[in-house]
Amino acid sequence: RTKIGKGSVSVSSAAVELMMAKSMGDLRKYASNVHICVLGAGKMSRLLLLALFSKNPDAHVTVVNRNVANAQAMLDDDLVAARGGKNAKVASMDEMMDVIAKSDVIFAATASKEPILKAADVSGREKAVQLIDISVPRNIGADCSEVENVHSYSVDDLKKVVQANADKRKSEVIKAKRYIGDEVQKFKLWQASQGAVPYLAALQTMAENIRRSETEKMSQKLRGLHEKEREAVDKLTRHIIDQLFRPIYYSMKDNEEIEAKRSKIWALKNMFKLEPEYKRRLLSQGETPAQLNA
């Protein structure tokens, strides 16, 4: 009923969201069809893969890292593997430029203190490419954004996505609080209405006892009836009681103030001198009304 859980509020998730939102405009490709290169195999890269595979388990991904074993271990991580990765592979840093040349999207998340990808590395490409830097300090040089067919995004761009999503969630919080308040009120009303159940049961028992007693009094006059006719009379008297009590039952389900509901239950109790079944059983065992209400 709300969108409070929609929208990324972490940099890694925002990077995936941005890629998916911009892929058609930047690359003229659906996000599900792009080839992705992830530079680095640290914490940020792992979070990135979790977000990516959650959206597209079959994504074509190549993880480039100095230590190939670490990159493979990240892909084999239980949480990562559970979300996807059947089309994921690893490559060494020596293969980085070859992988980048074949990729549509490059996510940079290494521990390097200097840019590892500069304008000269992506110049002269025939097909468009997305560069998404989720590292601090930057792994992708600022001059890359000036290269033709290169669409470069930094952490600052991702923070804008995160902030926009956070603002949307705040507006959804107001809706959520209103829905919660409504449901709490409905529950309290339902809870109050449950107080009528023992008295409605007692009223039903009272009516049934009266019905049986009056039918017994008329037994002599009904003696000449056939079995099916007796059943018809029995069914008729039950139906009359049900029809008489139906408005009472529906009234107890009315959407009204809790105090009004309690007053209605109290009036029903006093009008018919009703006591719940369990109280009547205790009274029959010698308990006094004062003891029951104590």
C-alpha atoms as a PDB file:
ATOM      1  CA  ARG A   1       0.000   0.000   0.000  1.00  0.00           C
ATOM      2  CA  THR A   2       3.055   2.259   0.201  1.00  0.00           C
ATOM      3  CA  LYS A   3       6.395   2.486  -1.587  1.00  0.00           C
ATOM      4  CA  ILE A   4       8.390   2.889   1.613  1.00  0.00           C
ATOM      5  CA  GLY A   5      10.706   0.030   0.623  1.00  0.00           C
ATOM      6  CA  LYS A   6      11.244   1.239  -2.925  1.00  0.00           C
ATOM      7  CA  GLY A   7      14.340   3.056  -4.098  1.00  0.00           C
ATOM      8  CA  SER A   8      17.980   2.510  -3.204  1.00  0.00           C
ATOM      9  CA  VAL A   9      19.428   4.217  -0.150  1.00  0.00           C
ATOM     10  CA  SER A  10      22.964   2.759  -0.365  1.00  0.00           C
ATOM     11  CA  VAL A  11      25.638   3.780  -2.846  1.00  0.00           C
ATOM     12  CA  SER A  12      26.022   0.254  -4.262  1.00  0.00           C
ATOM     13  CA  SER A  13      22.297  -0.212  -4.806  1.00  0.00           C
ATOM     14  CA  ALA A  14      22.015   3.305  -6.199  1.00  0.00           C
ATOM     15  CA  ALA A  15      24.748   2.491  -8.718  1.00  0.00           C
ATOM     16  CA  VAL A  16      22.730  -0.455 -10.032  1.00  0.00           C
ATOM     17  CA  GLU A  17      19.553   1.601 -10.059  1.00  0.00           C
ATOM     18  CA  LEU A  18      21.275   4.392 -11.996  1.00  0.00           C
ATOM     19  CA  MET A  19      22.700   1.918 -14.521  1.00  0.00           C
ATOM     20  CA  MET A  20      19.290   0.374 -15.131  1.00  0.00           C
ATOM     21  CA  ALA A  21      17.592   3.750 -15.427  1.00  0.00           C
ATOM     22  CA  LYS A  22      20.194   5.201 -17.809  1.00  0.00           C
ATOM     23  CA  SER A  23      21.107   2.171 -19.933  1.00  0.00           C
ATOM     24  CA  MET A  24      18.563   2.778 -22.670  1.00  0.00           C
ATOM     25  CA  GLY A  25      19.370   6.486 -22.926  1.00  0.00           C
ATOM     26  CA  ASP A  26      23.153   6.087 -22.678  1.00  0.00           C
ATOM     27  CA  LEU A  27      23.729   2.749 -24.407  1.00  0.00           C
ATOM     28  CA  ARG A  28      20.578   2.150 -26.461  1.00  0.00           C
ATOM     29  CA  LYS A  29      20.348  -1.212 -24.731  1.00  0.00           C
ATOM     30  CA  TYR A  30      18.073  -2.752 -22.156  1.00  0.00           C
ATOM     31  CA  ALA A  31      19.810  -3.136 -18.804  1.00  0.00           C
ATOM     32  CA  SER A  32      19.279  -6.907 -18.982  1.00  0.00           C
ATOM     33  CA  ASN A  33      21.372  -7.108 -22.146  1.00  0.00           C
ATOM     34  CA  VAL A  34      24.477  -5.144 -21.162  1.00  0.00           C
ATOM     35  CA  HIS A  35      27.883  -6.666 -20.427  1.00  0.00           C
ATOM     36  CA  ILE A  36      29.258  -5.476 -17.117  1.00  0.00           C
ATOM     37  CA  CYS A  37      32.774  -5.121 -15.794  1.00  0.00           C
ATOM     38  CA  VAL A  38      33.375  -4.744 -12.049  1.00  0.00           C
ATOM     39  CA  LEU A  39      36.779  -3.426 -11.052  1.00  0.00           C
ATOM     40  CA  GLY A  40      37.695  -4.642  -7.568  1.00  0.00           C
ATOM     41  CA  ALA A  41      36.597  -7.456  -5.282  1.00  0.00           C
ATOM     42  CA  GLY A  42      36.167  -5.716  -1.963  1.00  0.00           C
ATOM     43  CA  LYS A  43      33.161  -4.963   0.232  1.00  0.00           C
ATOM     44  CA  MET A  44      31.653  -2.394  -2.148  1.00  0.00           C
ATOM     45  CA  SER A  45      31.934  -4.770  -5.103  1.00  0.00           C
ATOM     46  CA  ARG A  46      30.234  -7.528  -3.114  1.00  0.00           C
ATOM     47  CA  LEU A  47      27.348  -5.217  -2.195  1.00  0.00           C
ATOM     48  CA  LEU A  48      27.156  -4.141  -5.807  1.00  0.00           C
ATOM     49  CA  LEU A  49      26.824  -7.745  -6.996  1.00  0.00           C
ATOM     50  CA  LEU A  50      24.150  -8.454  -4.398  1.00  0.00           C
ATOM     51  CA  ALA A  51      22.135  -5.498  -5.683  1.00  0.00           C
ATOM     52  CA  LEU A  52      22.805  -6.359  -9.324  1.00  0.00           C
ATOM     53  CA  PHE A  53      21.903 -10.048  -9.089  1.00  0.00           C
ATOM     54  CA  SER A  54      18.774  -9.166  -7.118  1.00  0.00           C
ATOM     55  CA  LYS A  55      17.624  -7.227 -10.176  1.00  0.00           C
ATOM     56  CA  ASN A  56      19.093  -9.501 -12.845  1.00  0.00           C
ATOM     57  CA  PRO A  57      20.393 -12.923 -11.715  1.00  0.00           C
ATOM     58  CA  ASP A  58      21.544 -13.724 -15.262  1.00  0.00           C
ATOM     59  CA  ALA A  59      23.623 -10.566 -15.744  1.00  0.00           C
ATOM     60  CA  HIS A  60      26.830 -10.981 -17.775  1.00  0.00           C
ATOM     61  CA  VAL A  61      29.557  -9.855 -15.384  1.00  0.00           C
ATOM     62  CA  THR A  62      33.339  -9.965 -15.351  1.00  0.00           C
ATOM     63  CA  VAL A  63      35.062  -9.168 -12.064  1.00  0.00           C
ATOM     64  CA  VAL A  64      38.576  -7.786 -12.581  1.00  0.00           C
ATOM     65  CA  ASN A  65      40.932  -7.898  -9.619  1.00  0.00           C
ATOM     66  CA  ARG A  66      44.654  -8.159  -8.859  1.00  0.00           C
ATOM     67  CA  ASN A  67      44.006 -11.308  -6.879  1.00  0.00           C
ATOM     68  CA  VAL A  68      41.846 -13.535  -9.075  1.00  0.00           C
ATOM     69  CA  ALA A  69      41.252 -15.982  -6.225  1.00  0.00           C
ATOM     70  CA  ASN A  70      39.658 -13.218  -4.138  1.00  0.00           C
ATOM     71  CA  ALA A  71      37.432 -12.265  -7.040  1.00  0.00           C
ATOM     72  CA  GLN A  72      36.290 -15.869  -7.445  1.00  0.00           C
ATOM     73  CA  ALA A  73      35.717 -16.174  -3.697  1.00  0.00           C
ATOM     74  CA  MET A  74      33.426 -13.154  -3.889  1.00  0.00           C
ATOM     75  CA  LEU A  75      31.369 -14.770  -6.657  1.00  0.00           C
ATOM     76  CA  ASP A  76      31.237 -18.003  -4.633  1.00  0.00           C
ATOM     77  CA  ASP A  77      30.033 -16.181  -1.520  1.00  0.00           C
ATOM     78  CA  ASP A  78      26.839 -17.869  -0.320  1.00  0.00           C
ATOM     79  CA  LEU A  79      24.688 -14.737  -0.441  1.00  0.00           C
ATOM     80  CA  VAL A  80      26.038 -13.631  -3.811  1.00  0.00           C
ATOM     81  CA  ALA A  81      25.719 -17.075  -5.390  1.00  0.00           C
ATOM     82  CA  ALA A  82      22.186 -17.446  -4.014  1.00  0.00           C
ATOM     83  CA  ARG A  83      21.090 -14.374  -5.963  1.00  0.00           C
ATOM     84  CA  GLY A  84      22.752 -15.161  -9.275  1.00  0.00           C
ATOM     85  CA  GLY A  85      26.052 -15.222 -11.103  1.00  0.00           C
ATOM     86  CA  LYS A  86      25.819 -18.116 -13.522  1.00  0.00           C
ATOM     87  CA  ASN A  87      27.076 -15.747 -16.242  1.00  0.00           C
ATOM     88  CA  ALA A  88      29.771 -14.202 -14.049  1.00  0.00           C
ATOM     89  CA  LYS A  89      33.507 -14.778 -14.407  1.00  0.00           C
ATOM     90  CA  VAL A  90      36.801 -13.321 -13.176  1.00  0.00           C
ATOM     91  CA  ALA A  91      39.824 -11.776 -14.842  1.00  0.00           C
ATOM     92  CA  SER A  92      43.188 -10.409 -13.722  1.00  0.00           C
ATOM     93  CA  MET A  93      44.254  -6.772 -13.853  1.00  0.00           C
ATOM     94  CA  ASP A  94      46.442  -7.634 -16.842  1.00  0.00           C
ATOM     95  CA  GLU A  95      43.227  -8.274 -18.786  1.00  0.00           C
ATOM     96  CA  MET A  96      41.469  -5.133 -17.545  1.00  0.00           C
ATOM     97  CA  MET A  97      41.633  -3.087 -20.764  1.00  0.00           C
ATOM     98  CA  ASP A  98      40.480  -6.022 -22.904  1.00  0.00           C
ATOM     99  CA  VAL A  99      37.522  -6.603 -20.599  1.00  0.00           C
ATOM    100  CA  ILE A 100      36.657  -2.897 -20.545  1.00  0.00           C
ATOM    101  CA  ALA A 101      36.757  -2.761 -24.345  1.00  0.00           C
ATOM    102  CA  LYS A 102      34.138  -5.536 -24.522  1.00  0.00           C
ATOM    103  CA  SER A 103      31.928  -4.141 -21.744  1.00  0.00           C
ATOM    104  CA  ASP A 104      28.997  -1.737 -21.870  1.00  0.00           C
ATOM    105  CA  VAL A 105      29.120  -0.787 -18.188  1.00  0.00           C
ATOM    106  CA  ILE A 106      32.132  -0.446 -15.899  1.00  0.00           C
ATOM    107  CA  PHE A 107      31.717  -0.218 -12.146  1.00  0.00           C
ATOM    108  CA  ALA A 108      34.884   0.897 -10.337  1.00  0.00           C
ATOM    109  CA  ALA A 109      35.329  -0.085  -6.691  1.00  0.00           C
ATOM    110  CA  THR A 110      39.004  -0.686  -5.992  1.00  0.00           C
ATOM    111  CA  ALA A 111      41.183   0.428  -3.096  1.00  0.00           C
ATOM    112  CA  SER A 112      43.391   2.512  -5.376  1.00  0.00           C
ATOM    113  CA  LYS A 113      44.179   6.039  -4.195  1.00  0.00           C
ATOM    114  CA  GLU A 114      44.577   7.244  -7.774  1.00  0.00           C
ATOM    115  CA  PRO A 115      42.310   6.935 -10.838  1.00  0.00           C
ATOM    116  CA  ILE A 116      42.908   3.640 -12.622  1.00  0.00           C
ATOM    117  CA  LEU A 117      40.825   4.618 -15.618  1.00  0.00           C
ATOM    118  CA  LYS A 118      41.495   7.862 -17.467  1.00  0.00           C
ATOM    119  CA  ALA A 119      40.204   9.585 -20.582  1.00  0.00           C
ATOM    120  CA  ALA A 120      42.929   8.096 -22.770  1.00  0.00           C
ATOM    121  CA  ASP A 121      41.823   4.584 -21.734  1.00  0.00           C
ATOM    122  CA  VAL A 122      38.285   5.018 -23.103  1.00  0.00           C
ATOM    123  CA  SER A 123      38.912   7.325 -26.058  1.00  0.00           C
ATOM    124  CA  GLY A 124      38.098   6.202 -29.583  1.00  0.00           C
ATOM    125  CA  ARG A 125      35.389   3.711 -28.617  1.00  0.00           C
ATOM    126  CA  GLU A 126      32.862   2.989 -31.331  1.00  0.00           C
ATOM    127  CA  LYS A 127      30.140   1.943 -28.922  1.00  0.00           C
ATOM    128  CA  ALA A 128      28.906   3.908 -25.928  1.00  0.00           C
ATOM    129  CA  VAL A 129      29.985   2.991 -22.413  1.00  0.00           C
ATOM    130  CA  GLN A 130      28.830   3.776 -18.907  1.00  0.00           C
ATOM    131  CA  LEU A 131      31.436   4.434 -16.237  1.00  0.00           C
ATOM    132  CA  ILE A 132      30.074   4.315 -12.699  1.00  0.00           C
ATOM    133  CA  ASP A 133      32.541   5.110  -9.941  1.00  0.00           C
ATOM    134  CA  ILE A 134      31.500   4.009  -6.446  1.00  0.00           C
ATOM    135  CA  SER A 135      34.949   4.552  -4.917  1.00  0.00           C
ATOM    136  CA  VAL A 136      36.308   7.247  -2.636  1.00  0.00           C
ATOM    137  CA  PRO A 137      38.761   8.551  -3.689  1.00  0.00           C
ATOM    138  CA  ARG A 138      37.812   8.356  -7.354  1.00  0.00           C
ATOM    139  CA  ASN A 139      38.904   5.384  -9.441  1.00  0.00           C
ATOM    140  CA  ILE A 140      37.687   6.963 -12.672  1.00  0.00           C
ATOM    141  CA  GLY A 141      39.280  10.200 -13.820  1.00  0.00           C
ATOM    142  CA  ALA A 142      37.061  13.274 -14.051  1.00  0.00           C
ATOM    143  CA  ASP A 143      38.280  13.834 -17.620  1.00  0.00           C
ATOM    144  CA  CYS A 144      36.498  10.651 -18.770  1.00  0.00           C
ATOM    145  CA  SER A 145      33.201  12.536 -18.850  1.00  0.00           C
ATOM    146  CA  GLU A 146      34.585  14.685 -21.662  1.00  0.00           C
ATOM    147  CA  VAL A 147      35.157  11.737 -23.996  1.00  0.00           C
ATOM    148  CA  GLU A 148      32.657  11.066 -26.775  1.00  0.00           C
ATOM    149  CA  ASN A 149      30.379   8.072 -26.237  1.00  0.00           C
ATOM    150  CA  VAL A 150      31.402   7.932 -22.569  1.00  0.00           C
ATOM    151  CA  HIS A 151      28.779   8.504 -19.884  1.00  0.00           C
ATOM    152  CA  SER A 152      30.583   8.900 -16.579  1.00  0.00           C
ATOM    153  CA  TYR A 153      28.979   9.003 -13.141  1.00  0.00           C
ATOM    154  CA  SER A 154      30.666   9.607  -9.795  1.00  0.00           C
ATOM    155  CA  VAL A 155      29.749   9.072  -6.154  1.00  0.00           C
ATOM    156  CA  ASP A 156      28.249  12.571  -6.170  1.00  0.00           C
ATOM    157  CA  ASP A 157      25.730  11.453  -8.800  1.00  0.00           C
ATOM    158  CA  LEU A 158      24.930   8.377  -6.761  1.00  0.00           C
ATOM    159  CA  LYS A 159      24.396  10.462  -3.643  1.00  0.00           C
ATOM    160  CA  LYS A 160      21.775  12.448  -5.545  1.00  0.00           C
ATOM    161  CA  VAL A 161      19.964   9.205  -6.350  1.00  0.00           C
ATOM    162  CA  VAL A 162      20.172   8.111  -2.714  1.00  0.00           C
ATOM    163  CA  GLN A 163      18.898  11.483  -1.455  1.00  0.00           C
ATOM    164  CA  ALA A 164      16.008  11.522  -3.930  1.00  0.00           C
ATOM    165  CA  ASN A 165      14.992   8.033  -2.828  1.00  0.00           C
ATOM    166  CA  ALA A 166      15.329   8.949   0.840  1.00  0.00           C
ATOM    167  CA  ASP A 167      13.052  11.953   0.292  1.00  0.00           C
ATOM    168  CA  LYS A 168      10.492   9.734  -1.426  1.00  0.00           C
ATOM    169  CA  ARG A 169      10.598   7.314   1.480  1.00  0.00           C
ATOM    170  CA  LYS A 170       9.986  10.148   3.944  1.00  0.00           C
ATOM    171  CA  SER A 171       6.796  11.058   2.106  1.00  0.00           C
ATOM    172  CA  GLU A 172       5.771   7.402   2.182  1.00  0.00           C
ATOM    173  CA  VAL A 173       6.352   7.305   5.959  1.00  0.00           C
ATOM    174  CA  ILE A 174       3.424   9.704   6.377  1.00  0.00           C
ATOM    175  CA  LYS A 175       1.203   7.331   4.404  1.00  0.00           C
ATOM    176  CA  ALA A 176       2.487   4.334   6.355  1.00  0.00           C
ATOM    177  CA  LYS A 177       1.744   6.026   9.694  1.00  0.00           C
ATOM    178  CA  ARG A 178      -1.781   6.819   8.531  1.00  0.00           C
ATOM    179  CA  TYR A 179      -2.368   3.225   7.413  1.00  0.00           C
ATOM    180  CA  ILE A 180      -0.956   1.900  10.690  1.00  0.00           C
ATOM    181  CA  GLY A 181      -3.197   4.245  12.661  1.00  0.00           C
ATOM    182  CA  ASP A 182      -6.233   3.087  10.696  1.00  0.00           C
ATOM    183  CA  GLU A 183      -5.382  -0.575  11.219  1.00  0.00           C
ATOM    184  CA  VAL A 184      -4.752  -0.058  14.946  1.00  0.00           C
ATOM    185  CA  GLN A 185      -8.145   1.613  15.253  1.00  0.00           C
ATOM    186  CA  LYS A 186      -9.783  -1.261  13.377  1.00  0.00           C
ATOM    187  CA  PHE A 187      -8.071  -3.760  15.660  1.00  0.00           C
ATOM    188  CA  LYS A 188      -9.188  -1.916  18.798  1.00  0.00           C
ATOM    189  CA  LEU A 189     -12.732  -1.800  17.460  1.00  0.00           C
ATOM    190  CA  TRP A 190     -12.592  -5.516  16.650  1.00  0.00           C
ATOM    191  CA  GLN A 191     -11.146  -6.186  20.094  1.00  0.00           C
ATOM    192  CA  ALA A 192     -13.973  -4.237  21.718  1.00  0.00           C
ATOM    193  CA  SER A 193     -16.552  -6.067  19.614  1.00  0.00           C
ATOM    194  CA  GLN A 194     -15.227  -9.383  20.938  1.00  0.00           C
ATOM    195  CA  GLY A 195     -16.637  -8.388  24.303  1.00  0.00           C
ATOM    196  CA  ALA A 196     -20.079  -8.929  22.799  1.00  0.00           C
ATOM    197  CA  VAL A 197     -19.407 -12.550  21.867  1.00  0.00           C
ATOM    198  CA  PRO A 198     -20.100 -14.123  25.322  1.00  0.00           C
ATOM    199  CA  TYR A 199     -23.316 -12.104  25.648  1.00  0.00           C
ATOM    200  CA  LEU A 200     -24.478 -12.922  22.136  1.00  0.00           C
ATOM    201  CA  ALA A 201     -23.850 -16.578  22.914  1.00  0.00           C
ATOM    202  CA  ALA A 202     -25.813 -16.227  26.158  1.00  0.00           C
ATOM    203  CA  LEU A 203     -28.646 -14.511  24.284  1.00  0.00           C
ATOM    204  CA  GLN A 204     -28.676 -17.296  21.703  1.00  0.00           C
ATOM    205  CA  THR A 205     -28.832 -19.882  24.488  1.00  0.00           C
ATOM    206  CA  MET A 206     -31.678 -17.990  26.181  1.00  0.00           C
ATOM    207  CA  ALA A 207     -33.637 -17.806  22.948  1.00  0.00           C
ATOM    208  CA  GLU A 208     -33.079 -21.489  22.221  1.00  0.00           C
ATOM    209  CA  ASN A 209     -34.271 -22.435  25.712  1.00  0.00           C
ATOM    210  CA  ILE A 210     -37.413 -20.354  25.226  1.00  0.00           C
ATOM    211  CA  ARG A 211     -37.995 -21.901  21.807  1.00  0.00           C
ATOM    212  CA  ARG A 212     -37.652 -25.427  23.155  1.00  0.00           C
ATOM    213  CA  SER A 213     -39.868 -24.667  26.159  1.00  0.00           C
ATOM    214  CA  GLU A 214     -42.664 -23.140  24.082  1.00  0.00           C
ATOM    215  CA  THR A 215     -42.451 -25.943  21.543  1.00  0.00           C
ATOM    216  CA  GLU A 216     -42.765 -28.468  24.378  1.00  0.00           C
ATOM    217  CA  LYS A 217     -45.870 -26.679  25.674  1.00  0.00           C
ATOM    218  CA  MET A 218     -47.442 -27.040  22.250  1.00  0.00           C
ATOM    219  CA  SER A 219     -46.440 -30.682  21.889  1.00  0.00           C
ATOM    220  CA  GLN A 220     -49.990 -31.934  22.456  1.00  0.00           C
ATOM    221  CA  LYS A 221     -51.354 -29.779  19.656  1.00  0.00           C
ATOM    222  CA  LEU A 222     -48.503 -30.780  17.367  1.00  0.00           C
ATOM    223  CA  ARG A 223     -48.910 -34.495  18.027  1.00  0.00           C
ATOM    224  CA  GLY A 224     -50.904 -35.090  14.867  1.00  0.00           C
ATOM    225  CA  LEU A 225     -48.171 -33.702  12.602  1.00  0.00           C
ATOM    226  CA  HIS A 226     -46.075 -35.959  10.431  1.00  0.00           C
ATOM    227  CA  GLU A 227     -42.316 -36.101  10.981  1.00  0.00           C
ATOM    228  CA  LYS A 228     -41.566 -33.787   8.032  1.00  0.00           C
ATOM    229  CA  GLU A 229     -44.167 -31.328   9.290  1.00  0.00           C
ATOM    230  CA  ARG A 230     -42.573 -31.339  12.745  1.00  0.00           C
ATOM    231  CA  GLU A 231     -39.197 -30.677  11.134  1.00  0.00           C
ATOM    232  CA  ALA A 232     -40.738 -27.779   9.188  1.00  0.00           C
ATOM    233  CA  VAL A 233     -42.129 -26.243  12.397  1.00  0.00           C
ATOM    234  CA  ASP A 234     -38.774 -26.680  14.135  1.00  0.00           C
ATOM    235  CA  LYS A 235     -36.979 -25.061  11.211  1.00  0.00           C
ATOM    236  CA  LEU A 236     -39.506 -22.204  11.142  1.00  0.00           C
ATOM    237  CA  THR A 237     -39.050 -21.342  14.810  1.00  0.00           C
ATOM    238  CA  ARG A 238     -35.260 -21.420  14.460  1.00  0.00           C
ATOM    239  CA  HIS A 239     -35.476 -19.172  11.417  1.00  0.00           C
ATOM    240  CA  ILE A 240     -37.668 -16.664  13.278  1.00  0.00           C
ATOM    241  CA  ILE A 241     -35.086 -16.403  16.064  1.00  0.00           C
ATOM    242  CA  ASP A 242     -32.250 -15.993  13.577  1.00  0.00           C
ATOM    243  CA  GLN A 243     -34.088 -13.200  11.775  1.00  0.00           C
ATOM    244  CA  LEU A 244     -34.861 -11.400  15.042  1.00  0.00           C
ATOM    245  CA  PHE A 245     -31.239 -11.558  16.186  1.00  0.00           C
ATOM    246  CA  ARG A 246     -29.638 -10.718  12.842  1.00  0.00           C
ATOM    247  CA  PRO A 247     -29.851  -6.903  13.336  1.00  0.00           C
ATOM    248  CA  ILE A 248     -28.207  -7.292  16.753  1.00  0.00           C
ATOM    249  CA  TYR A 249     -25.337  -9.299  15.300  1.00  0.00           C
ATOM    250  CA  TYR A 250     -24.779  -6.787  12.500  1.00  0.00           C
ATOM    251  CA  SER A 251     -25.015  -3.891  14.933  1.00  0.00           C
ATOM    252  CA  MET A 252     -22.082  -5.298  16.887  1.00  0.00           C
ATOM    253  CA  LYS A 253     -19.985  -5.086  13.701  1.00  0.00           C
ATOM    254  CA  ASP A 254     -20.751  -1.413  13.109  1.00  0.00           C
ATOM    255  CA  ASN A 255     -17.774   0.889  12.567  1.00  0.00           C
ATOM    256  CA  GLU A 256     -18.163   3.229  15.524  1.00  0.00           C
ATOM    257  CA  GLU A 257     -16.322   4.689  18.475  1.00  0.00           C
ATOM    258  CA  ILE A 258     -15.039   2.158  20.972  1.00  0.00           C
ATOM    259  CA  GLU A 259     -17.013   3.703  23.834  1.00  0.00           C
ATOM    260  CA  ALA A 260     -20.189   3.495  21.749  1.00  0.00           C
ATOM    261  CA  LYS A 261     -19.441  -0.164  21.112  1.00  0.00           C
ATOM    262  CA  ARG A 262     -18.921  -0.845  24.813  1.00  0.00           C
ATOM    263  CA  SER A 263     -22.111   0.999  25.711  1.00  0.00           C
ATOM    264  CA  LYS A 264     -24.046  -1.095  23.210  1.00  0.00           C
ATOM    265  CA  ILE A 265     -22.658  -4.321  24.702  1.00  0.00           C
ATOM    266  CA  TRP A 266     -23.470  -3.125  28.213  1.00  0.00           C
ATOM    267  CA  ALA A 267     -27.031  -2.254  27.146  1.00  0.00           C
ATOM    268  CA  LEU A 268     -27.473  -5.706  25.623  1.00  0.00           C
ATOM    269  CA  LYS A 269     -26.246  -7.324  28.831  1.00  0.00           C
ATOM    270  CA  ASN A 270     -28.584  -5.311  31.059  1.00  0.00           C
ATOM    271  CA  MET A 271     -31.605  -5.473  28.762  1.00  0.00           C
ATOM    272  CA  PHE A 272     -31.718  -9.267  28.725  1.00  0.00           C
ATOM    273  CA  LYS A 273     -30.042  -9.849  32.125  1.00  0.00           C
ATOM    274  CA  LEU A 274     -27.327 -11.833  30.394  1.00  0.00           C
ATOM    275  CA  GLU A 275     -24.403 -13.605  31.976  1.00  0.00           C
ATOM    276  CA  PRO A 276     -21.724 -15.436  29.926  1.00  0.00           C
ATOM    277  CA  GLU A 277     -21.796 -19.229  30.015  1.00  0.00           C
ATOM    278  CA  TYR A 278     -18.665 -19.512  32.159  1.00  0.00           C
ATOM    279  CA  LYS A 279     -20.156 -17.207  34.804  1.00  0.00           C
ATOM    280  CA  ARG A 280     -23.387 -19.171  34.895  1.00  0.00           C
ATOM    281  CA  ARG A 281     -21.387 -22.362  35.444  1.00  0.00           C
ATOM    282  CA  LEU A 282     -19.495 -20.783  38.334  1.00  0.00           C
ATOM    283  CA  LEU A 283     -22.705 -19.459  39.869  1.00  0.00           C
ATOM    284  CA  SER A 284     -24.130 -22.963  39.735  1.00  0.00           C
ATOM    285  CA  GLN A 285     -21.074 -24.094  41.703  1.00  0.00           C
ATOM    286  CA  GLY A 286     -21.774 -21.649  44.530  1.00  0.00           C
ATOM    287  CA  GLU A 287     -19.814 -18.540  43.544  1.00  0.00           C
ATOM    288  CA  THR A 288     -21.541 -15.202  44.191  1.00  0.00           C
ATOM    289  CA  PRO A 289     -21.907 -12.416  41.591  1.00  0.00           C
ATOM    290  CA  ALA A 290     -19.646 -10.205  43.724  1.00  0.00           C
ATOM    291  CA  GLN A 291     -16.883 -12.821  43.639  1.00  0.00           C
ATOM    292  CA  LEU A 292     -17.153 -13.144  39.844  1.00  0.00           C
ATOM    293  CA  ASN A 293     -16.846  -9.397  39.315  1.00  0.00           C
ATOM    294  CA  ALA A 294     -13.994  -8.965  41.805  1.00  0.00           C
END
